[in-house]
C-alpha atoms as a PDB file:
ATOM      1  CA  ALA A   1      38.003  38.664   8.322  1.00  0.00           C
ATOM      2  CA  ASN A   2      34.678  39.566   9.932  1.00  0.00           C
ATOM      3  CA  ILE A   3      35.467  43.272   9.430  1.00  0.00           C
ATOM      4  CA  ALA A   4      36.103  42.506   5.759  1.00  0.00           C
ATOM      5  CA  ILE A   5      32.722  40.724   5.512  1.00  0.00           C
ATOM      6  CA  ASN A   6      30.964  43.649   7.186  1.00  0.00           C
ATOM      7  CA  ASN A   7      32.517  45.927   4.573  1.00  0.00           C
ATOM      8  CA  GLN A   8      31.492  43.558   1.773  1.00  0.00           C
ATOM      9  CA  LEU A   9      35.107  42.671   1.020  1.00  0.00           C
ATOM     10  CA  TYR A  10      34.201  39.025   0.522  1.00  0.00           C
ATOM     11  CA  GLU A  11      37.211  37.911  -1.519  1.00  0.00           C
ATOM     12  CA  GLU A  12      39.541  39.378   1.105  1.00  0.00           C
ATOM     13  CA  ALA A  13      37.619  37.636   3.901  1.00  0.00           C
ATOM     14  CA  PHE A  14      37.801  34.348   1.980  1.00  0.00           C
ATOM     15  CA  ALA A  15      41.567  34.759   1.505  1.00  0.00           C
ATOM     16  CA  ILE A  16      42.076  35.409   5.240  1.00  0.00           C
ATOM     17  CA  PHE A  17      40.023  32.385   6.335  1.00  0.00           C
ATOM     18  CA  LYS A  18      41.740  30.195   3.764  1.00  0.00           C
ATOM     19  CA  LYS A  19      45.207  31.321   4.821  1.00  0.00           C
ATOM     20  CA  PHE A  20      44.545  30.453   8.453  1.00  0.00           C
ATOM     21  CA  ASP A  21      42.819  27.145   7.561  1.00  0.00           C
ATOM     22  CA  VAL A  22      39.449  28.223   8.961  1.00  0.00           C
ATOM     23  CA  ASN A  23      37.909  26.276   6.114  1.00  0.00           C
ATOM     24  CA  THR A  24      34.326  26.096   7.362  1.00  0.00           C
ATOM     25  CA  SER A  25      34.189  29.893   7.569  1.00  0.00           C
ATOM     26  CA  ALA A  26      35.930  30.195   4.201  1.00  0.00           C
ATOM     27  CA  ILE A  27      33.338  28.057   2.415  1.00  0.00           C
ATOM     28  CA  GLN A  28      30.579  29.906   4.236  1.00  0.00           C
ATOM     29  CA  VAL A  29      31.797  33.145   2.619  1.00  0.00           C
ATOM     30  CA  LEU A  30      31.737  31.501  -0.823  1.00  0.00           C
ATOM     31  CA  ILE A  31      28.236  30.140  -0.264  1.00  0.00           C
ATOM     32  CA  GLU A  32      26.494  32.957   1.571  1.00  0.00           C
ATOM     33  CA  ASN A  33      28.327  36.078   0.444  1.00  0.00           C
ATOM     34  CA  VAL A  34      29.876  35.343  -2.937  1.00  0.00           C
ATOM     35  CA  GLY A  35      27.029  32.957  -3.816  1.00  0.00           C
ATOM     36  CA  ASN A  36      29.170  30.774  -6.064  1.00  0.00           C
ATOM     37  CA  LEU A  37      28.546  27.060  -5.455  1.00  0.00           C
ATOM     38  CA  ASP A  38      30.972  25.963  -8.182  1.00  0.00           C
ATOM     39  CA  ARG A  39      33.850  27.706  -6.416  1.00  0.00           C
ATOM     40  CA  ALA A  40      32.619  26.327  -3.101  1.00  0.00           C
ATOM     41  CA  TYR A  41      32.723  22.819  -4.601  1.00  0.00           C
ATOM     42  CA  GLU A  42      36.283  23.300  -5.877  1.00  0.00           C
ATOM     43  CA  PHE A  43      37.313  24.566  -2.448  1.00  0.00           C
ATOM     44  CA  ALA A  44      35.687  21.589  -0.710  1.00  0.00           C
ATOM     45  CA  GLU A  45      37.505  19.235  -3.098  1.00  0.00           C
ATOM     46  CA  ARG A  46      40.823  20.865  -2.194  1.00  0.00           C
ATOM     47  CA  CYS A  47      40.520  20.822   1.581  1.00  0.00           C
ATOM     48  CA  ASN A  48      38.319  17.678   1.765  1.00  0.00           C
ATOM     49  CA  GLU A  49      37.062  18.146   5.343  1.00  0.00           C
ATOM     50  CA  PRO A  50      33.771  16.581   6.499  1.00  0.00           C
ATOM     51  CA  ALA A  51      32.481  19.843   8.021  1.00  0.00           C
ATOM     52  CA  VAL A  52      33.164  21.683   4.748  1.00  0.00           C
ATOM     53  CA  TRP A  53      31.357  19.038   2.680  1.00  0.00           C
ATOM     54  CA  SER A  54      28.392  19.218   5.087  1.00  0.00           C
ATOM     55  CA  GLN A  55      28.075  22.962   4.608  1.00  0.00           C
ATOM     56  CA  LEU A  56      28.277  22.577   0.852  1.00  0.00           C
ATOM     57  CA  GLY A  57      25.667  19.788   0.950  1.00  0.00           C
ATOM     58  CA  LYS A  58      23.279  21.980   2.906  1.00  0.00           C
ATOM     59  CA  ALA A  59      23.664  24.846   0.416  1.00  0.00           C
ATOM     60  CA  GLN A  60      23.207  22.542  -2.582  1.00  0.00           C
ATOM     61  CA  LEU A  61      20.091  21.043  -1.031  1.00  0.00           C
ATOM     62  CA  GLN A  62      18.568  24.494  -0.521  1.00  0.00           C
ATOM     63  CA  GLN A  63      19.137  25.143  -4.233  1.00  0.00           C
ATOM     64  CA  GLY A  64      17.357  21.865  -5.074  1.00  0.00           C
ATOM     65  CA  LEU A  65      20.558  20.203  -6.333  1.00  0.00           C
ATOM     66  CA  VAL A  66      19.669  16.882  -4.741  1.00  0.00           C
ATOM     67  CA  LYS A  67      22.221  14.626  -6.422  1.00  0.00           C
ATOM     68  CA  GLU A  68      25.095  17.040  -5.735  1.00  0.00           C
ATOM     69  CA  ALA A  69      23.942  17.603  -2.142  1.00  0.00           C
ATOM     70  CA  ILE A  70      23.775  13.869  -1.490  1.00  0.00           C
ATOM     71  CA  ASP A  71      27.263  13.400  -2.981  1.00  0.00           C
ATOM     72  CA  SER A  72      28.534  16.088  -0.600  1.00  0.00           C
ATOM     73  CA  TYR A  73      26.790  14.615   2.455  1.00  0.00           C
ATOM     74  CA  ILE A  74      28.154  11.157   1.626  1.00  0.00           C
ATOM     75  CA  LYS A  75      31.685  12.596   1.375  1.00  0.00           C
ATOM     76  CA  ALA A  76      31.082  14.273   4.737  1.00  0.00           C
ATOM     77  CA  ASP A  77      29.728  10.974   6.111  1.00  0.00           C
ATOM     78  CA  ASP A  78      27.033  13.162   7.675  1.00  0.00           C
ATOM     79  CA  PRO A  79      23.524  11.713   8.138  1.00  0.00           C
ATOM     80  CA  SER A  80      22.253  14.561  10.334  1.00  0.00           C
ATOM     81  CA  ALA A  81      20.169  16.297   7.634  1.00  0.00           C
ATOM     82  CA  TYR A  82      18.215  13.158   6.715  1.00  0.00           C
ATOM     83  CA  VAL A  83      14.752  14.735   7.108  1.00  0.00           C
ATOM     84  CA  ASP A  84      15.571  17.639   4.755  1.00  0.00           C
ATOM     85  CA  VAL A  85      17.279  15.349   2.246  1.00  0.00           C
ATOM     86  CA  VAL A  86      14.325  12.949   2.117  1.00  0.00           C
ATOM     87  CA  GLN A  87      11.716  15.706   1.836  1.00  0.00           C
ATOM     88  CA  THR A  88      13.589  17.477  -0.972  1.00  0.00           C
ATOM     89  CA  ALA A  89      14.203  14.191  -2.795  1.00  0.00           C
ATOM     90  CA  HIS A  90      10.470  13.405  -2.612  1.00  0.00           C
ATOM     91  CA  LYS A  91       9.722  16.649  -4.423  1.00  0.00           C
ATOM     92  CA  THR A  92      12.328  16.030  -7.115  1.00  0.00           C
ATOM     93  CA  GLU A  93      11.703  12.237  -7.348  1.00  0.00           C
ATOM     94  CA  SER A  94      15.449  11.581  -6.890  1.00  0.00           C
ATOM     95  CA  TRP A  95      14.964   8.061  -5.564  1.00  0.00           C
ATOM     96  CA  GLU A  96      18.264   6.488  -6.666  1.00  0.00           C
ATOM     97  CA  ASP A  97      20.210   9.239  -4.892  1.00  0.00           C
ATOM     98  CA  VAL A  98      18.110   8.898  -1.761  1.00  0.00           C
ATOM     99  CA  VAL A  99      18.905   5.177  -1.606  1.00  0.00           C
ATOM    100  CA  ARG A 100      22.639   5.976  -1.612  1.00  0.00           C
ATOM    101  CA  TYR A 101      22.233   8.623   1.071  1.00  0.00           C
ATOM    102  CA  LEU A 102      20.039   6.540   3.362  1.00  0.00           C
ATOM    103  CA  GLN A 103      22.340   3.529   3.077  1.00  0.00           C
ATOM    104  CA  MET A 104      25.129   5.765   4.401  1.00  0.00           C
ATOM    105  CA  ALA A 105      22.853   7.287   7.054  1.00  0.00           C
ATOM    106  CA  ARG A 106      21.710   3.881   8.266  1.00  0.00           C
ATOM    107  CA  LYS A 107      25.274   2.829   9.050  1.00  0.00           C
ATOM    108  CA  LYS A 108      25.548   5.864  11.313  1.00  0.00           C
ATOM    109  CA  ALA A 109      22.101   6.097  12.914  1.00  0.00           C
ATOM    110  CA  ARG A 110      19.548   3.308  13.312  1.00  0.00           C
ATOM    111  CA  GLU A 111      16.577   5.683  13.223  1.00  0.00           C
ATOM    112  CA  SER A 112      13.113   4.353  12.401  1.00  0.00           C
ATOM    113  CA  TYR A 113      12.559   7.257   9.969  1.00  0.00           C
ATOM    114  CA  ILE A 114      15.764   6.495   8.033  1.00  0.00           C
ATOM    115  CA  GLU A 115      14.965   2.800   7.708  1.00  0.00           C
ATOM    116  CA  THR A 116      11.329   3.424   6.818  1.00  0.00           C
ATOM    117  CA  GLU A 117      12.275   5.873   4.062  1.00  0.00           C
ATOM    118  CA  LEU A 118      14.987   3.541   2.765  1.00  0.00           C
ATOM    119  CA  ILE A 119      12.400   0.784   2.280  1.00  0.00           C
ATOM    120  CA  TYR A 120      10.138   3.225   0.431  1.00  0.00           C
ATOM    121  CA  ALA A 121      13.042   4.341  -1.775  1.00  0.00           C
ATOM    122  CA  TYR A 122      13.828   0.680  -2.555  1.00  0.00           C
ATOM    123  CA  ALA A 123      10.192   0.234  -3.603  1.00  0.00           C
ATOM    124  CA  LYS A 124      10.283   3.382  -5.751  1.00  0.00           C
ATOM    125  CA  THR A 125      13.433   2.221  -7.545  1.00  0.00           C
ATOM    126  CA  GLY A 126      12.037  -1.298  -8.036  1.00  0.00           C
ATOM    127  CA  ARG A 127      14.787  -2.892  -5.933  1.00  0.00           C
ATOM    128  CA  LEU A 128      12.501  -5.544  -4.496  1.00  0.00           C
ATOM    129  CA  ALA A 129      15.286  -8.036  -3.749  1.00  0.00           C
ATOM    130  CA  ASP A 130      17.045  -5.403  -1.600  1.00  0.00           C
ATOM    131  CA  LEU A 131      13.733  -4.535   0.028  1.00  0.00           C
ATOM    132  CA  GLU A 132      12.981  -8.163   0.874  1.00  0.00           C
ATOM    133  CA  GLU A 133      16.464  -8.722   2.277  1.00  0.00           C
ATOM    134  CA  PHE A 134      16.178  -5.547   4.356  1.00  0.00           C
ATOM    135  CA  VAL A 135      12.827  -6.367   5.981  1.00  0.00           C
ATOM    136  CA  SER A 136      13.760  -9.980   6.676  1.00  0.00           C
ATOM    137  CA  GLY A 137      16.692  -8.793   8.813  1.00  0.00           C
ATOM    138  CA  PRO A 138      16.433  -6.862  12.095  1.00  0.00           C
ATOM    139  CA  ASN A 139      15.231  -3.301  11.512  1.00  0.00           C
ATOM    140  CA  HIS A 140      13.360  -0.414  13.157  1.00  0.00           C
ATOM    141  CA  ALA A 141      11.168   0.495  10.191  1.00  0.00           C
ATOM    142  CA  ASP A 142       7.414   1.070  10.408  1.00  0.00           C
ATOM    143  CA  ILE A 143       6.586  -1.641   7.886  1.00  0.00           C
ATOM    144  CA  GLN A 144       2.802  -1.317   8.148  1.00  0.00           C
ATOM    145  CA  LYS A 145       3.000   2.388   7.313  1.00  0.00           C
ATOM    146  CA  ILE A 146       5.318   1.809   4.349  1.00  0.00           C
ATOM    147  CA  GLY A 147       3.122  -1.053   3.120  1.00  0.00           C
ATOM    148  CA  ASP A 148       0.144   1.323   3.103  1.00  0.00           C
ATOM    149  CA  ARG A 149       2.148   4.016   1.304  1.00  0.00           C
ATOM    150  CA  CYS A 150       3.289   1.546  -1.362  1.00  0.00           C
ATOM    151  CA  PHE A 151      -0.272   0.261  -1.743  1.00  0.00           C
ATOM    152  CA  GLU A 152      -1.666   3.779  -2.179  1.00  0.00           C
ATOM    153  CA  ALA A 153       1.057   4.578  -4.720  1.00  0.00           C
ATOM    154  CA  GLY A 154       0.082   1.473  -6.715  1.00  0.00           C
ATOM    155  CA  MET A 155       3.345  -0.369  -5.936  1.00  0.00           C
ATOM    156  CA  TYR A 156       1.564  -3.626  -5.203  1.00  0.00           C
ATOM    157  CA  GLU A 157       4.575  -5.956  -5.530  1.00  0.00           C
ATOM    158  CA  ALA A 158       6.378  -4.018  -2.790  1.00  0.00           C
ATOM    159  CA  ALA A 159       3.213  -3.842  -0.669  1.00  0.00           C
ATOM    160  CA  LYS A 160       2.817  -7.620  -1.045  1.00  0.00           C
ATOM    161  CA  LEU A 161       6.322  -8.225   0.369  1.00  0.00           C
ATOM    162  CA  LEU A 162       5.737  -5.815   3.252  1.00  0.00           C
ATOM    163  CA  TYR A 163       2.286  -7.063   4.298  1.00  0.00           C
ATOM    164  CA  ASN A 164       3.554 -10.617   4.045  1.00  0.00           C
ATOM    165  CA  ASN A 165       6.473  -9.728   6.316  1.00  0.00           C
ATOM    166  CA  ILE A 166       4.180  -8.508   9.115  1.00  0.00           C
ATOM    167  CA  SER A 167       1.464 -11.137   8.455  1.00  0.00           C
ATOM    168  CA  ASN A 168      -1.189  -8.511   7.720  1.00  0.00           C
ATOM    169  CA  PHE A 169      -3.294 -10.965   5.739  1.00  0.00           C
ATOM    170  CA  ALA A 170      -6.298  -8.667   5.322  1.00  0.00           C
ATOM    171  CA  ARG A 171      -4.237  -6.049   3.455  1.00  0.00           C
ATOM    172  CA  LEU A 172      -2.224  -8.765   1.693  1.00  0.00           C
ATOM    173  CA  ALA A 173      -5.426 -10.274   0.292  1.00  0.00           C
ATOM    174  CA  ILE A 174      -6.518  -6.944  -1.215  1.00  0.00           C
ATOM    175  CA  THR A 175      -3.012  -6.345  -2.601  1.00  0.00           C
ATOM    176  CA  LEU A 176      -3.033  -9.755  -4.304  1.00  0.00           C
ATOM    177  CA  VAL A 177      -6.404  -8.903  -5.850  1.00  0.00           C
ATOM    178  CA  HIS A 178      -4.785  -5.839  -7.450  1.00  0.00           C
ATOM    179  CA  LEU A 179      -1.999  -8.087  -8.741  1.00  0.00           C
ATOM    180  CA  GLN A 180      -4.701 -10.434 -10.110  1.00  0.00           C
ATOM    181  CA  GLU A 181      -3.313 -13.276  -7.977  1.00  0.00           C
ATOM    182  CA  TYR A 182      -6.783 -14.421  -6.982  1.00  0.00           C
ATOM    183  CA  GLN A 183      -5.880 -17.826  -5.569  1.00  0.00           C
ATOM    184  CA  GLY A 184      -3.326 -16.206  -3.251  1.00  0.00           C
ATOM    185  CA  ALA A 185      -5.895 -13.565  -2.303  1.00  0.00           C
ATOM    186  CA  VAL A 186      -8.379 -16.259  -1.253  1.00  0.00           C
ATOM    187  CA  ASP A 187      -5.687 -18.023   0.807  1.00  0.00           C
ATOM    188  CA  SER A 188      -4.811 -14.739   2.538  1.00  0.00           C
ATOM    189  CA  ALA A 189      -8.481 -13.953   3.150  1.00  0.00           C
ATOM    190  CA  ARG A 190      -8.786 -17.346   4.836  1.00  0.00           C
ATOM    191  CA  LYS A 191      -5.917 -16.428   7.180  1.00  0.00           C
ATOM    192  CA  ALA A 192      -7.363 -12.961   7.833  1.00  0.00           C
ATOM    193  CA  ASN A 193     -10.828 -14.459   8.334  1.00  0.00           C
ATOM    194  CA  SER A 194     -12.713 -11.159   8.424  1.00  0.00           C
ATOM    195  CA  THR A 195     -16.024 -10.681   6.639  1.00  0.00           C
ATOM    196  CA  ARG A 196     -14.882  -7.400   5.122  1.00  0.00           C
ATOM    197  CA  THR A 197     -11.844  -9.069   3.524  1.00  0.00           C
ATOM    198  CA  TRP A 198     -13.937 -11.982   2.255  1.00  0.00           C
ATOM    199  CA  LYS A 199     -16.315  -9.480   0.639  1.00  0.00           C
ATOM    200  CA  GLU A 200     -13.591  -7.448  -1.052  1.00  0.00           C
ATOM    201  CA  VAL A 201     -11.906 -10.552  -2.455  1.00  0.00           C
ATOM    202  CA  CYS A 202     -15.221 -12.149  -3.447  1.00  0.00           C
ATOM    203  CA  PHE A 203     -16.463  -9.067  -5.312  1.00  0.00           C
ATOM    204  CA  SER A 204     -13.121  -8.675  -7.106  1.00  0.00           C
ATOM    205  CA  CYS A 205     -13.219 -12.329  -8.174  1.00  0.00           C
ATOM    206  CA  VAL A 206     -16.757 -11.806  -9.518  1.00  0.00           C
ATOM    207  CA  GLU A 207     -15.572  -8.759 -11.497  1.00  0.00           C
ATOM    208  CA  SER A 208     -12.791 -10.866 -13.024  1.00  0.00           C
ATOM    209  CA  GLY A 209     -15.027 -13.840 -13.778  1.00  0.00           C
ATOM    210  CA  GLU A 210     -13.237 -16.073 -11.235  1.00  0.00           C
ATOM    211  CA  PHE A 211     -16.489 -17.652 -10.056  1.00  0.00           C
ATOM    212  CA  ARG A 212     -15.007 -20.749  -8.445  1.00  0.00           C
ATOM    213  CA  LEU A 213     -12.859 -18.589  -6.157  1.00  0.00           C
ATOM    214  CA  ALA A 214     -15.709 -16.112  -5.672  1.00  0.00           C
ATOM    215  CA  GLN A 215     -17.867 -18.985  -4.432  1.00  0.00           C
ATOM    216  CA  MET A 216     -15.180 -20.073  -1.951  1.00  0.00           C
ATOM    217  CA  CYS A 217     -15.261 -16.551  -0.517  1.00  0.00           C
ATOM    218  CA  GLY A 218     -19.035 -16.259  -0.794  1.00  0.00           C
ATOM    219  CA  LEU A 219     -19.585 -19.263   1.472  1.00  0.00           C
ATOM    220  CA  HIS A 220     -17.982 -17.256   4.280  1.00  0.00           C
ATOM    221  CA  ILE A 221     -20.240 -14.259   3.592  1.00  0.00           C
ATOM    222  CA  VAL A 222     -23.737 -15.718   3.110  1.00  0.00           C
ATOM    223  CA  VAL A 223     -23.777 -17.200   6.623  1.00  0.00           C
ATOM    224  CA  HIS A 224     -23.982 -13.604   7.933  1.00  0.00           C
ATOM    225  CA  ALA A 225     -27.617 -12.607   7.451  1.00  0.00           C
ATOM    226  CA  ASP A 226     -26.802  -8.881   7.336  1.00  0.00           C
ATOM    227  CA  GLU A 227     -24.240  -9.365   4.516  1.00  0.00           C
ATOM    228  CA  LEU A 228     -26.442 -11.542   2.308  1.00  0.00           C
ATOM    229  CA  GLU A 229     -28.306  -8.722   0.572  1.00  0.00           C
ATOM    230  CA  ASP A 230     -25.084  -6.960  -0.515  1.00  0.00           C
ATOM    231  CA  LEU A 231     -23.742 -10.152  -2.028  1.00  0.00           C
ATOM    232  CA  ILE A 232     -26.974 -10.944  -3.892  1.00  0.00           C
ATOM    233  CA  THR A 233     -27.166  -7.388  -5.245  1.00  0.00           C
ATOM    234  CA  HIS A 234     -23.549  -7.562  -6.450  1.00  0.00           C
ATOM    235  CA  TYR A 235     -24.170 -10.752  -8.442  1.00  0.00           C
ATOM    236  CA  GLN A 236     -27.615  -9.757  -9.709  1.00  0.00           C
ATOM    237  CA  ASP A 237     -26.600  -6.279 -10.889  1.00  0.00           C
ATOM    238  CA  ARG A 238     -24.019  -7.934 -13.135  1.00  0.00           C
ATOM    239  CA  GLY A 239     -26.431 -10.578 -14.403  1.00  0.00           C
ATOM    240  CA  TYR A 240     -24.676 -13.566 -12.792  1.00  0.00           C
ATOM    241  CA  PHE A 241     -27.848 -15.392 -11.704  1.00  0.00           C
ATOM    242  CA  GLU A 242     -26.595 -18.933 -12.396  1.00  0.00           C
ATOM    243  CA  GLU A 243     -23.447 -18.348 -10.342  1.00  0.00           C
ATOM    244  CA  LEU A 244     -25.427 -16.808  -7.492  1.00  0.00           C
ATOM    245  CA  ILE A 245     -27.863 -19.731  -7.409  1.00  0.00           C
ATOM    246  CA  SER A 246     -25.042 -22.289  -7.376  1.00  0.00           C
ATOM    247  CA  LEU A 247     -23.342 -20.350  -4.535  1.00  0.00           C
ATOM    248  CA  LEU A 248     -26.500 -20.417  -2.406  1.00  0.00           C
ATOM    249  CA  GLU A 249     -27.144 -24.076  -3.249  1.00  0.00           C
ATOM    250  CA  ALA A 250     -23.626 -24.922  -2.069  1.00  0.00           C
ATOM    251  CA  ALA A 251     -24.182 -22.915   1.123  1.00  0.00           C
ATOM    252  CA  LEU A 252     -27.392 -24.681   2.223  1.00  0.00           C
ATOM    253  CA  GLY A 253     -25.406 -27.551   3.712  1.00  0.00           C
ATOM    254  CA  LEU A 254     -23.351 -25.271   5.986  1.00  0.00           C
ATOM    255  CA  GLU A 255     -24.055 -25.632   9.684  1.00  0.00           C
ATOM    256  CA  ARG A 256     -24.525 -21.850   9.958  1.00  0.00           C
ATOM    257  CA  ALA A 257     -27.141 -21.804   7.181  1.00  0.00           C
ATOM    258  CA  HIS A 258     -30.004 -19.487   8.174  1.00  0.00           C
ATOM    259  CA  MET A 259     -33.543 -18.675   7.075  1.00  0.00           C
ATOM    260  CA  GLY A 260     -32.417 -15.769   4.867  1.00  0.00           C
ATOM    261  CA  MET A 261     -30.418 -18.108   2.619  1.00  0.00           C
ATOM    262  CA  PHE A 262     -33.303 -20.547   2.065  1.00  0.00           C
ATOM    263  CA  THR A 263     -35.696 -17.654   1.467  1.00  0.00           C
ATOM    264  CA  GLU A 264     -33.462 -15.814  -1.019  1.00  0.00           C
ATOM    265  CA  LEU A 265     -32.771 -19.020  -2.940  1.00  0.00           C
ATOM    266  CA  ALA A 266     -36.527 -19.669  -3.195  1.00  0.00           C
ATOM    267  CA  ILE A 267     -37.031 -16.121  -4.537  1.00  0.00           C
ATOM    268  CA  LEU A 268     -34.211 -16.600  -7.084  1.00  0.00           C
ATOM    269  CA  TYR A 269     -35.768 -19.892  -8.218  1.00  0.00           C
ATOM    270  CA  SER A 270     -39.120 -18.146  -8.669  1.00  0.00           C
ATOM    271  CA  LYS A 271     -37.463 -15.595 -11.000  1.00  0.00           C
ATOM    272  CA  TYR A 272     -34.897 -17.626 -12.916  1.00  0.00           C
ATOM    273  CA  LYS A 273     -35.495 -21.365 -12.369  1.00  0.00           C
ATOM    274  CA  PRO A 274     -39.184 -21.850 -11.571  1.00  0.00           C
ATOM    275  CA  GLU A 275     -38.926 -25.591 -12.253  1.00  0.00           C
ATOM    276  CA  LYS A 276     -36.739 -25.972  -9.137  1.00  0.00           C
ATOM    277  CA  MET A 277     -38.992 -23.981  -6.817  1.00  0.00           C
ATOM    278  CA  LYS A 278     -41.442 -26.779  -5.928  1.00  0.00           C
ATOM    279  CA  GLU A 279     -38.780 -29.261  -4.858  1.00  0.00           C
ATOM    280  CA  HIS A 280     -36.973 -26.585  -2.829  1.00  0.00           C
ATOM    281  CA  LEU A 281     -40.159 -25.711  -0.931  1.00  0.00           C
ATOM    282  CA  GLU A 282     -41.071 -29.351  -0.300  1.00  0.00           C
ATOM    283  CA  LEU A 283     -37.655 -29.895   1.285  1.00  0.00           C
ATOM    284  CA  PHE A 284     -37.255 -26.619   3.155  1.00  0.00           C
ATOM    285  CA  TRP A 285     -40.721 -25.079   3.630  1.00  0.00           C
ATOM    286  CA  SER A 286     -40.113 -24.892   7.383  1.00  0.00           C
ATOM    287  CA  ARG A 287     -36.904 -22.873   6.892  1.00  0.00           C
ATOM    288  CA  VAL A 288     -38.136 -20.117   4.567  1.00  0.00           C
ATOM    289  CA  ASN A 289     -39.816 -16.822   5.360  1.00  0.00           C
ATOM    290  CA  ILE A 290     -43.248 -17.836   4.039  1.00  0.00           C
ATOM    291  CA  PRO A 291     -44.786 -14.327   3.512  1.00  0.00           C
ATOM    292  CA  LYS A 292     -41.745 -13.258   1.434  1.00  0.00           C
ATOM    293  CA  VAL A 293     -41.773 -16.420  -0.675  1.00  0.00           C
ATOM    294  CA  LEU A 294     -45.563 -16.157  -1.150  1.00  0.00           C
ATOM    295  CA  ARG A 295     -45.108 -12.679  -2.624  1.00  0.00           C
ATOM    296  CA  ALA A 296     -42.355 -13.930  -4.962  1.00  0.00           C
ATOM    297  CA  ALA A 297     -44.449 -16.918  -6.094  1.00  0.00           C
ATOM    298  CA  GLU A 298     -47.413 -14.635  -6.741  1.00  0.00           C
ATOM    299  CA  GLN A 299     -45.318 -12.232  -8.841  1.00  0.00           C
ATOM    300  CA  ALA A 300     -43.984 -15.172 -10.864  1.00  0.00           C
ATOM    301  CA  HIS A 301     -47.501 -16.700 -11.242  1.00  0.00           C
ATOM    302  CA  LEU A 302     -46.349 -19.980  -9.685  1.00  0.00           C
ATOM    303  CA  TRP A 303     -49.799 -21.064  -8.561  1.00  0.00           C
ATOM    304  CA  ALA A 304     -48.947 -24.654  -7.577  1.00  0.00           C
ATOM    305  CA  GLU A 305     -46.225 -23.370  -5.245  1.00  0.00           C
ATOM    306  CA  LEU A 306     -48.610 -20.768  -3.815  1.00  0.00           C
ATOM    307  CA  VAL A 307     -51.172 -23.453  -3.046  1.00  0.00           C
ATOM    308  CA  PHE A 308     -48.474 -25.641  -1.483  1.00  0.00           C
ATOM    309  CA  LEU A 309     -47.427 -22.861   0.920  1.00  0.00           C
END
């Protein structure tokens, strides 16, 4: 048979291999030498051996026939080519087929890569119930990594399930913001309790006009003197002076209230609510930065307040 191949007598070589039941070599001739995948498929159907199906699957995959290749690999019960299958399926967006293949592969090999990609394929096909069931059972998947991939691909519902599963509340909060579930985002930010998360959720709530929730977040931000300016700028640039003033007023009673808060509120009063400035200074003159407030009062022509200071 090999002599026949060397002399390009491919049909003869195929006939010899077939006669002696060397089926893997026979299909190899059809694939590599004759180059006819349809005949190779018919041959695989006839002899129905796992090794033959595997060879056919590999050839189909190289031709970009993802669905056909996956059918062949499933018939072969062969998960060994999972990296190639997944990479090719990514290019062709054949997510439904990949789910079938990886479900078979997972029964054979509990590899982290297989399980991770299966979760991603569930997300891509919108099978969130399957995804949730999968991650709530024992698995070897890198859930953080898949959560990030889903988030970056804009699949926020899937990302929400994944971040929730691993209690990554910081990422969960931002995901819920994208889903416009602001109350949930605030609750997650509280669990994450990081200034960066509070800021992201707060600013998103401001953008969406959710000022009550924005204020709940803001109270956790204004107590950090170095974050105060960012917050004030964010509100002021959008013209939300009333909301900013009520946030700072609510924050004055906090035990971590600092000079910056009293000072900035005095400056805001001087610009937008001059009638409140005098009372504020009488109560808190010892807690404001007097030179800064003097400048603000001067710019606003609040002479009585200037004299008081």
